[in-house]
């Protein structure tokens, strides 16, 4: 039972770190262009074409 004295605060701390990371990603604009990422998958301009 004494292990809970370590695990509960550790879980709360890691949850807070995850929440802060998510909020940072929202503020830095990581989720602004969702359509661009979906269309970028279909773009093949960086693929070399084989002639022959």
N, C-alpha and C. Protein backbone atom coordinates (compact mmCIF):
# COMPACT_ATOMS: atom_id res chain seq x y z
N UNK A 1 0.81 -1.20 0.00
CA UNK A 1 0.00 0.00 0.00
C UNK A 1 0.85 1.27 0.00
N UNK A 2 2.04 1.18 0.51
CA UNK A 2 2.86 2.40 0.54
C UNK A 2 3.35 2.79 -0.84
N UNK A 3 3.30 1.83 -1.79
CA UNK A 3 3.70 2.16 -3.14
C UNK A 3 2.75 3.18 -3.77
N UNK A 4 1.51 3.22 -3.29
CA UNK A 4 0.56 4.21 -3.79
C UNK A 4 0.97 5.63 -3.44
N UNK A 5 1.73 5.79 -2.38
CA UNK A 5 2.20 7.12 -2.01
C UNK A 5 3.17 7.66 -3.06
N UNK A 6 3.80 6.77 -3.81
CA UNK A 6 4.71 7.18 -4.88
C UNK A 6 4.01 7.23 -6.24
N UNK A 7 3.14 6.26 -6.49
CA UNK A 7 2.55 6.14 -7.81
C UNK A 7 1.47 7.17 -8.10
N UNK A 8 0.67 7.52 -7.12
CA UNK A 8 -0.40 8.50 -7.35
C UNK A 8 0.17 9.88 -7.68
N UNK A 9 1.12 10.41 -6.91
CA UNK A 9 1.70 11.70 -7.31
C UNK A 9 2.45 11.63 -8.64
N UNK A 10 3.11 10.50 -8.90
CA UNK A 10 3.80 10.34 -10.16
C UNK A 10 2.81 10.35 -11.33
N UNK A 11 1.68 9.67 -11.19
CA UNK A 11 0.67 9.65 -12.24
C UNK A 11 0.08 11.04 -12.44
N UNK A 12 -0.17 11.75 -11.36
CA UNK A 12 -0.68 13.12 -11.48
C UNK A 12 0.33 14.04 -12.15
N UNK A 13 1.58 13.89 -11.81
CA UNK A 13 2.62 14.71 -12.42
C UNK A 13 2.74 14.43 -13.92
N UNK A 14 2.74 13.15 -14.29
CA UNK A 14 2.85 12.81 -15.71
C UNK A 14 1.61 13.25 -16.49
N UNK A 15 0.45 13.19 -15.87
CA UNK A 15 -0.76 13.69 -16.50
C UNK A 15 -0.69 15.19 -16.72
N UNK A 16 -0.14 15.91 -15.74
CA UNK A 16 0.02 17.36 -15.87
C UNK A 16 1.03 17.70 -16.97
N UNK A 17 2.11 16.94 -17.06
CA UNK A 17 3.09 17.16 -18.12
C UNK A 17 2.46 16.92 -19.49
N UNK A 18 1.66 15.89 -19.61
CA UNK A 18 0.97 15.61 -20.87
C UNK A 18 -0.02 16.71 -21.23
N UNK A 19 -0.74 17.21 -20.25
CA UNK A 19 -1.69 18.29 -20.48
C UNK A 19 -0.97 19.57 -20.91
N UNK A 20 0.14 19.86 -20.25
CA UNK A 20 0.91 21.05 -20.62
C UNK A 20 1.50 20.91 -22.03
N UNK A 21 1.94 19.72 -22.38
CA UNK A 21 2.44 19.49 -23.73
C UNK A 21 1.35 19.67 -24.77
N UNK A 22 0.15 19.20 -24.47
CA UNK A 22 -0.97 19.36 -25.39
C UNK A 22 -1.35 20.83 -25.53
N UNK A 23 -1.39 21.56 -24.43
CA UNK A 23 -1.72 22.98 -24.50
C UNK A 23 -0.65 23.76 -25.26
N UNK A 24 0.61 23.38 -25.08
CA UNK A 24 1.69 24.03 -25.83
C UNK A 24 1.51 23.78 -27.33
N UNK A 25 1.14 22.56 -27.70
CA UNK A 25 0.97 22.26 -29.12
C UNK A 25 -0.21 23.01 -29.70
N UNK A 26 -1.25 23.25 -28.91
CA UNK A 26 -2.38 24.05 -29.39
C UNK A 26 -1.95 25.49 -29.64
N UNK A 27 -1.19 26.05 -28.71
CA UNK A 27 -0.78 27.45 -28.83
C UNK A 27 0.26 27.67 -29.92
N UNK A 28 1.04 26.66 -30.24
CA UNK A 28 2.07 26.83 -31.25
C UNK A 28 1.55 26.56 -32.66
N UNK A 29 0.28 26.19 -32.79
CA UNK A 29 -0.33 26.04 -34.11
C UNK A 29 -0.12 24.68 -34.76
N UNK A 30 0.07 23.64 -33.98
CA UNK A 30 0.29 22.31 -34.55
C UNK A 30 -0.95 21.78 -35.26
N UNK A 31 -2.13 22.25 -34.88
CA UNK A 31 -3.37 21.70 -35.43
C UNK A 31 -4.08 22.70 -36.34
N UNK A 32 -3.36 23.66 -36.90
CA UNK A 32 -3.98 24.69 -37.72
C UNK A 32 -4.32 24.19 -39.12
N UNK A 33 -3.45 23.43 -39.76
CA UNK A 33 -3.64 23.04 -41.15
C UNK A 33 -3.83 21.53 -41.26
N UNK A 34 -5.02 21.07 -40.94
CA UNK A 34 -5.28 19.63 -40.99
C UNK A 34 -5.46 19.14 -42.42
N UNK A 35 -6.01 19.97 -43.30
CA UNK A 35 -6.22 19.55 -44.68
C UNK A 35 -4.91 19.49 -45.44
N UNK A 36 -3.98 20.39 -45.14
CA UNK A 36 -2.70 20.38 -45.83
C UNK A 36 -1.93 19.10 -45.58
N UNK A 37 -1.97 18.59 -44.37
CA UNK A 37 -1.28 17.34 -44.06
C UNK A 37 -1.93 16.16 -44.78
N UNK A 38 -3.23 16.20 -44.92
CA UNK A 38 -3.93 15.11 -45.61
C UNK A 38 -3.61 15.13 -47.10
N UNK A 39 -3.49 16.30 -47.69
CA UNK A 39 -3.18 16.39 -49.11
C UNK A 39 -1.70 16.18 -49.40
N UNK A 40 -0.85 16.46 -48.44
CA UNK A 40 0.58 16.28 -48.62
C UNK A 40 0.95 14.81 -48.81
N UNK A 41 0.14 13.92 -48.28
CA UNK A 41 0.38 12.48 -48.44
C UNK A 41 0.23 12.09 -49.91
N UNK A 42 -0.68 12.74 -50.61
CA UNK A 42 -0.96 12.39 -51.99
C UNK A 42 0.01 13.02 -52.98
N UNK A 43 0.80 13.97 -52.54
CA UNK A 43 1.72 14.68 -53.42
C UNK A 43 2.94 13.81 -53.70
N UNK A 44 3.23 13.62 -54.99
CA UNK A 44 4.37 12.77 -55.35
C UNK A 44 5.43 13.55 -56.11
N UNK A 45 5.61 14.80 -55.82
CA UNK A 45 6.60 15.60 -56.55
C UNK A 45 8.02 15.25 -56.15
N UNK A 46 8.22 14.62 -55.01
CA UNK A 46 9.58 14.28 -54.58
C UNK A 46 10.02 12.88 -55.05
N UNK A 47 9.15 12.19 -55.75
CA UNK A 47 9.47 10.84 -56.23
C UNK A 47 10.08 10.95 -57.62
N UNK A 48 11.22 10.28 -57.81
CA UNK A 48 11.86 10.29 -59.11
C UNK A 48 11.13 9.35 -60.05
N UNK A 49 10.92 9.81 -61.26
CA UNK A 49 10.23 8.99 -62.26
C UNK A 49 11.27 8.17 -63.02
N UNK A 50 10.98 6.91 -63.19
CA UNK A 50 11.88 6.03 -63.96
C UNK A 50 11.51 6.14 -65.43
N UNK A 51 12.48 6.46 -66.24
CA UNK A 51 12.23 6.52 -67.67
C UNK A 51 12.75 5.23 -68.31
N UNK A 52 11.89 4.61 -69.03
CA UNK A 52 12.41 3.44 -69.70
C UNK A 52 11.50 2.34 -69.62
